[in-house]
PDB file of N, CA and C in Angstrom:
ATOM      1  N   MET A   1      65.745 -13.834  19.365  1.00  0.00           N
ATOM      2  CA  MET A   1      64.883 -12.698  19.094  1.00  0.00           C
ATOM      3  C   MET A   1      63.416 -13.096  19.138  1.00  0.00           C
ATOM      4  N   ASP A   2      63.079 -14.333  18.761  1.00  0.00           N
ATOM      5  CA  ASP A   2      61.697 -14.771  18.779  1.00  0.00           C
ATOM      6  C   ASP A   2      61.144 -14.853  20.193  1.00  0.00           C
ATOM      7  N   VAL A   3      61.979 -15.252  21.148  1.00  0.00           N
ATOM      8  CA  VAL A   3      61.533 -15.364  22.533  1.00  0.00           C
ATOM      9  C   VAL A   3      61.155 -13.993  23.073  1.00  0.00           C
ATOM     10  N   VAL A   4      61.930 -12.989  22.740  1.00  0.00           N
ATOM     11  CA  VAL A   4      61.642 -11.626  23.193  1.00  0.00           C
ATOM     12  C   VAL A   4      60.316 -11.148  22.603  1.00  0.00           C
ATOM     13  N   ASP A   5      60.057 -11.461  21.340  1.00  0.00           N
ATOM     14  CA  ASP A   5      58.793 -11.068  20.718  1.00  0.00           C
ATOM     15  C   ASP A   5      57.604 -11.760  21.370  1.00  0.00           C
ATOM     16  N   VAL A   6      57.762 -13.054  21.674  1.00  0.00           N
ATOM     17  CA  VAL A   6      56.676 -13.789  22.320  1.00  0.00           C
ATOM     18  C   VAL A   6      56.412 -13.227  23.712  1.00  0.00           C
ATOM     19  N   LEU A   7      57.467 -12.929  24.462  1.00  0.00           N
ATOM     20  CA  LEU A   7      57.289 -12.343  25.786  1.00  0.00           C
ATOM     21  C   LEU A   7      56.640 -10.961  25.709  1.00  0.00           C
ATOM     22  N   ARG A   8      57.046 -10.173  24.738  1.00  0.00           N
ATOM     23  CA  ARG A   8      56.462  -8.848  24.563  1.00  0.00           C
ATOM     24  C   ARG A   8      54.974  -8.957  24.236  1.00  0.00           C
ATOM     25  N   GLN A   9      54.632  -9.882  23.363  1.00  0.00           N
ATOM     26  CA  GLN A   9      53.219 -10.077  23.023  1.00  0.00           C
ATOM     27  C   GLN A   9      52.432 -10.619  24.215  1.00  0.00           C
ATOM     28  N   GLY A  10      53.060 -11.490  25.005  1.00  0.00           N
ATOM     29  CA  GLY A  10      52.398 -12.015  26.199  1.00  0.00           C
ATOM     30  C   GLY A  10      52.100 -10.930  27.218  1.00  0.00           C
ATOM     31  N   VAL A  11      53.051 -10.038  27.413  1.00  0.00           N
ATOM     32  CA  VAL A  11      52.827  -8.919  28.330  1.00  0.00           C
ATOM     33  C   VAL A  11      51.744  -7.995  27.776  1.00  0.00           C
ATOM     34  N   GLY A  12      51.752  -7.788  26.459  1.00  0.00           N
ATOM     35  CA  GLY A  12      50.714  -6.963  25.840  1.00  0.00           C
ATOM     36  C   GLY A  12      49.335  -7.558  26.020  1.00  0.00           C
ATOM     37  N   VAL A  13      49.218  -8.871  25.859  1.00  0.00           N
ATOM     38  CA  VAL A  13      47.927  -9.534  26.047  1.00  0.00           C
ATOM     39  C   VAL A  13      47.491  -9.427  27.509  1.00  0.00           C
ATOM     40  N   ALA A  14      48.427  -9.617  28.432  1.00  0.00           N
ATOM     41  CA  ALA A  14      48.089  -9.518  29.855  1.00  0.00           C
ATOM     42  C   ALA A  14      47.609  -8.111  30.207  1.00  0.00           C
ATOM     43  N   LEU A  15      48.269  -7.099  29.666  1.00  0.00           N
ATOM     44  CA  LEU A  15      47.838  -5.718  29.922  1.00  0.00           C
ATOM     45  C   LEU A  15      46.491  -5.427  29.278  1.00  0.00           C
ATOM     46  N   LYS A  16      46.294  -5.967  28.079  1.00  0.00           N
ATOM     47  CA  LYS A  16      45.036  -5.746  27.378  1.00  0.00           C
ATOM     48  C   LYS A  16      43.867  -6.398  28.117  1.00  0.00           C
ATOM     49  N   LEU A  17      44.108  -7.564  28.713  1.00  0.00           N
ATOM     50  CA  LEU A  17      43.042  -8.267  29.413  1.00  0.00           C
ATOM     51  C   LEU A  17      42.828  -7.736  30.831  1.00  0.00           C
ATOM     52  N   GLY A  18      43.907  -7.423  31.518  1.00  0.00           N
ATOM     53  CA  GLY A  18      43.784  -6.981  32.895  1.00  0.00           C
ATOM     54  C   GLY A  18      43.573  -5.491  33.069  1.00  0.00           C
ATOM     55  N   GLY A  19      43.947  -4.723  32.061  1.00  0.00           N
ATOM     56  CA  GLY A  19      43.866  -3.268  32.160  1.00  0.00           C
ATOM     57  C   GLY A  19      42.482  -2.720  32.449  1.00  0.00           C
ATOM     58  N   PRO A  20      41.477  -3.098  31.670  1.00  0.00           N
ATOM     59  CA  PRO A  20      40.139  -2.547  31.934  1.00  0.00           C
ATOM     60  C   PRO A  20      39.611  -2.886  33.324  1.00  0.00           C
ATOM     61  N   ILE A  21      39.842  -4.102  33.774  1.00  0.00           N
ATOM     62  CA  ILE A  21      39.365  -4.501  35.098  1.00  0.00           C
ATOM     63  C   ILE A  21      40.068  -3.685  36.174  1.00  0.00           C
ATOM     64  N   LEU A  22      41.381  -3.571  36.065  1.00  0.00           N
ATOM     65  CA  LEU A  22      42.128  -2.837  37.083  1.00  0.00           C
ATOM     66  C   LEU A  22      41.786  -1.353  37.089  1.00  0.00           C
ATOM     67  N   LEU A  23      41.694  -0.756  35.911  1.00  0.00           N
ATOM     68  CA  LEU A  23      41.394   0.678  35.849  1.00  0.00           C
ATOM     69  C   LEU A  23      40.012   0.998  36.402  1.00  0.00           C
ATOM     70  N   LEU A  24      39.019   0.198  36.034  1.00  0.00           N
ATOM     71  CA  LEU A  24      37.661   0.474  36.519  1.00  0.00           C
ATOM     72  C   LEU A  24      37.536   0.209  38.016  1.00  0.00           C
ATOM     73  N   SER A  25      38.193  -0.821  38.518  1.00  0.00           N
ATOM     74  CA  SER A  25      38.114  -1.069  39.959  1.00  0.00           C
ATOM     75  C   SER A  25      38.854   0.020  40.739  1.00  0.00           C
ATOM     76  N   MET A  26      39.949   0.533  40.194  1.00  0.00           N
ATOM     77  CA  MET A  26      40.637   1.649  40.857  1.00  0.00           C
ATOM     78  C   MET A  26      39.770   2.900  40.843  1.00  0.00           C
ATOM     79  N   LEU A  27      39.096   3.158  39.730  1.00  0.00           N
ATOM     80  CA  LEU A  27      38.223   4.322  39.638  1.00  0.00           C
ATOM     81  C   LEU A  27      37.084   4.231  40.648  1.00  0.00           C
ATOM     82  N   VAL A  28      36.484   3.052  40.763  1.00  0.00           N
ATOM     83  CA  VAL A  28      35.415   2.859  41.747  1.00  0.00           C
ATOM     84  C   VAL A  28      35.967   3.029  43.158  1.00  0.00           C
ATOM     85  N   GLY A  29      37.168   2.520  43.414  1.00  0.00           N
ATOM     86  CA  GLY A  29      37.779   2.682  44.728  1.00  0.00           C
ATOM     87  C   GLY A  29      38.006   4.142  45.083  1.00  0.00           C
ATOM     88  N   ILE A  30      38.446   4.936  44.126  1.00  0.00           N
ATOM     89  CA  ILE A  30      38.662   6.363  44.367  1.00  0.00           C
ATOM     90  C   ILE A  30      37.342   7.080  44.633  1.00  0.00           C
ATOM     91  N   ILE A  31      36.324   6.760  43.839  1.00  0.00           N
ATOM     92  CA  ILE A  31      35.015   7.393  44.031  1.00  0.00           C
ATOM     93  C   ILE A  31      34.428   7.027  45.387  1.00  0.00           C
ATOM     94  N   VAL A  32      34.531   5.757  45.767  1.00  0.00           N
ATOM     95  CA  VAL A  32      34.020   5.334  47.074  1.00  0.00           C
ATOM     96  C   VAL A  32      34.813   5.990  48.193  1.00  0.00           C
ATOM     97  N   ALA A  33      36.122   6.118  48.035  1.00  0.00           N
ATOM     98  CA  ALA A  33      36.943   6.767  49.064  1.00  0.00           C
ATOM     99  C   ALA A  33      36.547   8.232  49.239  1.00  0.00           C
ATOM    100  N   ILE A  34      36.299   8.905  48.129  1.00  0.00           N
ATOM    101  CA  ILE A  34      35.850  10.300  48.220  1.00  0.00           C
ATOM    102  C   ILE A  34      34.484  10.375  48.901  1.00  0.00           C
ATOM    103  N   PHE A  35      33.578   9.474  48.516  1.00  0.00           N
ATOM    104  CA  PHE A  35      32.245   9.437  49.133  1.00  0.00           C
ATOM    105  C   PHE A  35      32.349   9.161  50.637  1.00  0.00           C
ATOM    106  N   GLN A  36      33.214   8.235  51.021  1.00  0.00           N
ATOM    107  CA  GLN A  36      33.369   7.922  52.439  1.00  0.00           C
ATOM    108  C   GLN A  36      34.005   9.079  53.197  1.00  0.00           C
ATOM    109  N   ALA A  37      34.910   9.804  52.571  1.00  0.00           N
ATOM    110  CA  ALA A  37      35.536  10.947  53.237  1.00  0.00           C
ATOM    111  C   ALA A  37      34.535  12.080  53.436  1.00  0.00           C
ATOM    112  N   VAL A  38      33.655  12.265  52.459  1.00  0.00           N
ATOM    113  CA  VAL A  38      32.682  13.348  52.558  1.00  0.00           C
ATOM    114  C   VAL A  38      31.609  13.023  53.593  1.00  0.00           C
ATOM    115  N   THR A  39      31.125  11.792  53.572  1.00  0.00           N
ATOM    116  CA  THR A  39      30.028  11.419  54.467  1.00  0.00           C
ATOM    117  C   THR A  39      30.514  10.852  55.798  1.00  0.00           C
ATOM    118  N   GLN A  40      31.787  10.625  55.950  1.00  0.00           N
ATOM    119  CA  GLN A  40      32.402  10.049  57.140  1.00  0.00           C
ATOM    120  C   GLN A  40      31.834   8.674  57.472  1.00  0.00           C
ATOM    121  N   ILE A  41      31.480   7.944  56.422  1.00  0.00           N
ATOM    122  CA  ILE A  41      31.071   6.547  56.562  1.00  0.00           C
ATOM    123  C   ILE A  41      32.290   5.710  56.217  1.00  0.00           C
ATOM    124  N   HIS A  42      32.779   4.951  57.165  1.00  0.00           N
ATOM    125  CA  HIS A  42      33.990   4.170  56.946  1.00  0.00           C
ATOM    126  C   HIS A  42      33.683   2.683  57.016  1.00  0.00           C
ATOM    127  N   GLU A  43      32.876   2.252  56.110  1.00  0.00           N
ATOM    128  CA  GLU A  43      32.515   0.846  56.017  1.00  0.00           C
ATOM    129  C   GLU A  43      33.373   0.187  54.946  1.00  0.00           C
ATOM    130  N   GLN A  44      34.172  -0.811  55.322  1.00  0.00           N
ATOM    131  CA  GLN A  44      35.099  -1.440  54.390  1.00  0.00           C
ATOM    132  C   GLN A  44      34.393  -2.320  53.388  1.00  0.00           C
ATOM    133  N   SER A  45      33.281  -2.903  53.775  1.00  0.00           N
ATOM    134  CA  SER A  45      32.576  -3.807  52.857  1.00  0.00           C
ATOM    135  C   SER A  45      31.941  -3.050  51.696  1.00  0.00           C
ATOM    136  N   LEU A  46      31.647  -1.772  51.872  1.00  0.00           N
ATOM    137  CA  LEU A  46      31.059  -0.972  50.801  1.00  0.00           C
ATOM    138  C   LEU A  46      31.999  -0.902  49.604  1.00  0.00           C
ATOM    139  N   SER A  47      33.244  -0.613  49.856  1.00  0.00           N
ATOM    140  CA  SER A  47      34.232  -0.537  48.788  1.00  0.00           C
ATOM    141  C   SER A  47      34.428  -1.890  48.125  1.00  0.00           C
ATOM    142  N   PHE A  48      34.521  -2.949  48.938  1.00  0.00           N
ATOM    143  CA  PHE A  48      34.755  -4.285  48.398  1.00  0.00           C
ATOM    144  C   PHE A  48      33.599  -4.744  47.518  1.00  0.00           C
ATOM    145  N   VAL A  49      32.382  -4.542  47.972  1.00  0.00           N
ATOM    146  CA  VAL A  49      31.210  -5.000  47.214  1.00  0.00           C
ATOM    147  C   VAL A  49      31.098  -4.247  45.894  1.00  0.00           C
ATOM    148  N   LEU A  50      31.311  -2.951  45.916  1.00  0.00           N
ATOM    149  CA  LEU A  50      31.218  -2.183  44.667  1.00  0.00           C
ATOM    150  C   LEU A  50      32.311  -2.572  43.677  1.00  0.00           C
ATOM    151  N   LYS A  51      33.519  -2.783  44.168  1.00  0.00           N
ATOM    152  CA  LYS A  51      34.599  -3.226  43.274  1.00  0.00           C
ATOM    153  C   LYS A  51      34.294  -4.603  42.702  1.00  0.00           C
ATOM    154  N   LEU A  52      33.763  -5.481  43.516  1.00  0.00           N
ATOM    155  CA  LEU A  52      33.407  -6.815  43.053  1.00  0.00           C
ATOM    156  C   LEU A  52      32.330  -6.745  41.975  1.00  0.00           C
ATOM    157  N   LEU A  53      31.336  -5.892  42.165  1.00  0.00           N
ATOM    158  CA  LEU A  53      30.288  -5.718  41.159  1.00  0.00           C
ATOM    159  C   LEU A  53      30.854  -5.192  39.844  1.00  0.00           C
ATOM    160  N   VAL A  54      31.776  -4.242  39.927  1.00  0.00           N
ATOM    161  CA  VAL A  54      32.378  -3.692  38.709  1.00  0.00           C
ATOM    162  C   VAL A  54      33.179  -4.760  37.971  1.00  0.00           C
ATOM    163  N   VAL A  55      33.939  -5.559  38.699  1.00  0.00           N
ATOM    164  CA  VAL A  55      34.731  -6.617  38.066  1.00  0.00           C
ATOM    165  C   VAL A  55      33.815  -7.631  37.387  1.00  0.00           C
ATOM    166  N   VAL A  56      32.734  -8.013  38.057  1.00  0.00           N
ATOM    167  CA  VAL A  56      31.787  -8.968  37.464  1.00  0.00           C
ATOM    168  C   VAL A  56      31.135  -8.375  36.220  1.00  0.00           C
ATOM    169  N   LEU A  57      30.747  -7.114  36.279  1.00  0.00           N
ATOM    170  CA  LEU A  57      30.131  -6.473  35.108  1.00  0.00           C
ATOM    171  C   LEU A  57      31.102  -6.378  33.936  1.00  0.00           C
ATOM    172  N   VAL A  58      32.350  -6.044  34.215  1.00  0.00           N
ATOM    173  CA  VAL A  58      33.351  -5.973  33.144  1.00  0.00           C
ATOM    174  C   VAL A  58      33.555  -7.348  32.527  1.00  0.00           C
ATOM    175  N   LEU A  59      33.588  -8.376  33.358  1.00  0.00           N
ATOM    176  CA  LEU A  59      33.745  -9.731  32.830  1.00  0.00           C
ATOM    177  C   LEU A  59      32.531 -10.168  32.020  1.00  0.00           C
ATOM    178  N   LEU A  60      31.342  -9.767  32.442  1.00  0.00           N
ATOM    179  CA  LEU A  60      30.143 -10.113  31.675  1.00  0.00           C
ATOM    180  C   LEU A  60      30.100  -9.387  30.333  1.00  0.00           C
ATOM    181  N   VAL A  61      30.484  -8.123  30.341  1.00  0.00           N
ATOM    182  CA  VAL A  61      30.434  -7.333  29.105  1.00  0.00           C
ATOM    183  C   VAL A  61      31.583  -7.695  28.167  1.00  0.00           C
ATOM    184  N   GLY A  62      32.790  -7.789  28.707  1.00  0.00           N
ATOM    185  CA  GLY A  62      33.949  -8.002  27.850  1.00  0.00           C
ATOM    186  C   GLY A  62      34.536  -9.392  27.901  1.00  0.00           C
ATOM    187  N   GLY A  63      33.838 -10.310  28.542  1.00  0.00           N
ATOM    188  CA  GLY A  63      34.371 -11.654  28.700  1.00  0.00           C
ATOM    189  C   GLY A  63      34.603 -12.382  27.397  1.00  0.00           C
ATOM    190  N   GLU A  64      33.685 -12.221  26.465  1.00  0.00           N
ATOM    191  CA  GLU A  64      33.828 -12.888  25.164  1.00  0.00           C
ATOM    192  C   GLU A  64      35.055 -12.379  24.420  1.00  0.00           C
ATOM    193  N   TRP A  65      35.239 -11.063  24.438  1.00  0.00           N
ATOM    194  CA  TRP A  65      36.407 -10.477  23.782  1.00  0.00           C
ATOM    195  C   TRP A  65      37.703 -10.928  24.471  1.00  0.00           C
ATOM    196  N   MET A  66      37.680 -10.983  25.801  1.00  0.00           N
ATOM    197  CA  MET A  66      38.870 -11.407  26.542  1.00  0.00           C
ATOM    198  C   MET A  66      39.219 -12.855  26.228  1.00  0.00           C
ATOM    199  N   LEU A  67      38.200 -13.705  26.187  1.00  0.00           N
ATOM    200  CA  LEU A  67      38.438 -15.108  25.882  1.00  0.00           C
ATOM    201  C   LEU A  67      38.958 -15.278  24.464  1.00  0.00           C
ATOM    202  N   GLU A  68      38.410 -14.540  23.520  1.00  0.00           N
ATOM    203  CA  GLU A  68      38.860 -14.629  22.128  1.00  0.00           C
ATOM    204  C   GLU A  68      40.305 -14.150  21.995  1.00  0.00           C
ATOM    205  N   THR A  69      40.663 -13.093  22.701  1.00  0.00           N
ATOM    206  CA  THR A  69      42.034 -12.596  22.677  1.00  0.00           C
ATOM    207  C   THR A  69      42.995 -13.633  23.248  1.00  0.00           C
ATOM    208  N   LEU A  70      42.603 -14.247  24.352  1.00  0.00           N
ATOM    209  CA  LEU A  70      43.449 -15.269  24.962  1.00  0.00           C
ATOM    210  C   LEU A  70      43.571 -16.503  24.069  1.00  0.00           C
ATOM    211  N   LEU A  71      42.483 -16.888  23.415  1.00  0.00           N
ATOM    212  CA  LEU A  71      42.526 -18.026  22.500  1.00  0.00           C
ATOM    213  C   LEU A  71      43.412 -17.735  21.293  1.00  0.00           C
ATOM    214  N   ASP A  72      43.313 -16.531  20.758  1.00  0.00           N
ATOM    215  CA  ASP A  72      44.171 -16.161  19.620  1.00  0.00           C
ATOM    216  C   ASP A  72      45.647 -16.233  20.003  1.00  0.00           C
ATOM    217  N   PHE A  73      45.987 -15.734  21.176  1.00  0.00           N
ATOM    218  CA  PHE A  73      47.379 -15.780  21.619  1.00  0.00           C
ATOM    219  C   PHE A  73      47.821 -17.227  21.854  1.00  0.00           C
ATOM    220  N   SER A  74      46.941 -18.043  22.412  1.00  0.00           N
ATOM    221  CA  SER A  74      47.280 -19.454  22.641  1.00  0.00           C
ATOM    222  C   SER A  74      47.497 -20.190  21.324  1.00  0.00           C
ATOM    223  N   ARG A  75      46.634 -19.917  20.348  1.00  0.00           N
ATOM    224  CA  ARG A  75      46.810 -20.533  19.022  1.00  0.00           C
ATOM    225  C   ARG A  75      48.134 -20.100  18.394  1.00  0.00           C
ATOM    226  N   TYR A  76      48.473 -18.835  18.567  1.00  0.00           N
ATOM    227  CA  TYR A  76      49.740 -18.319  18.050  1.00  0.00           C
ATOM    228  C   TYR A  76      50.919 -19.048  18.695  1.00  0.00           C
ATOM    229  N   LEU A  77      50.825 -19.260  20.008  1.00  0.00           N
ATOM    230  CA  LEU A  77      51.913 -19.968  20.696  1.00  0.00           C
ATOM    231  C   LEU A  77      52.031 -21.408  20.214  1.00  0.00           C
ATOM    232  N   PHE A  78      50.892 -22.062  19.993  1.00  0.00           N
ATOM    233  CA  PHE A  78      50.942 -23.451  19.529  1.00  0.00           C
ATOM    234  C   PHE A  78      51.472 -23.554  18.093  1.00  0.00           C
ATOM    235  N   THR A  79      51.215 -22.548  17.277  1.00  0.00           N
ATOM    236  CA  THR A  79      51.776 -22.584  15.924  1.00  0.00           C
ATOM    237  C   THR A  79      53.289 -22.387  15.932  1.00  0.00           C
ATOM    238  N   LEU A  80      53.793 -21.719  16.951  1.00  0.00           N
ATOM    239  CA  LEU A  80      55.242 -21.527  17.051  1.00  0.00           C
ATOM    240  C   LEU A  80      55.975 -22.774  17.511  1.00  0.00           C
ATOM    241  N   MET A  81      55.255 -23.688  18.151  1.00  0.00           N
ATOM    242  CA  MET A  81      55.923 -24.897  18.692  1.00  0.00           C
ATOM    243  C   MET A  81      56.290 -25.845  17.628  1.00  0.00           C
TER     244      MET A  81
END
């Protein structure tokens, strides 16, 4: 039963850390796709650069919290050993 709890918590941590990055990059991708459809500009690098900027900004803003969450989970795993 303990292994299932650790796996469940690991998946929760992964979703908590990856969720904001994935959601914001998907939102930017949708907005850029709508903009490209309206203006008929089909430049692939535009979408990539904007998504990259969003990911970097999310990491700069929430990086400390993400690192602390990962460290807390790692400490928890080491206490279980």
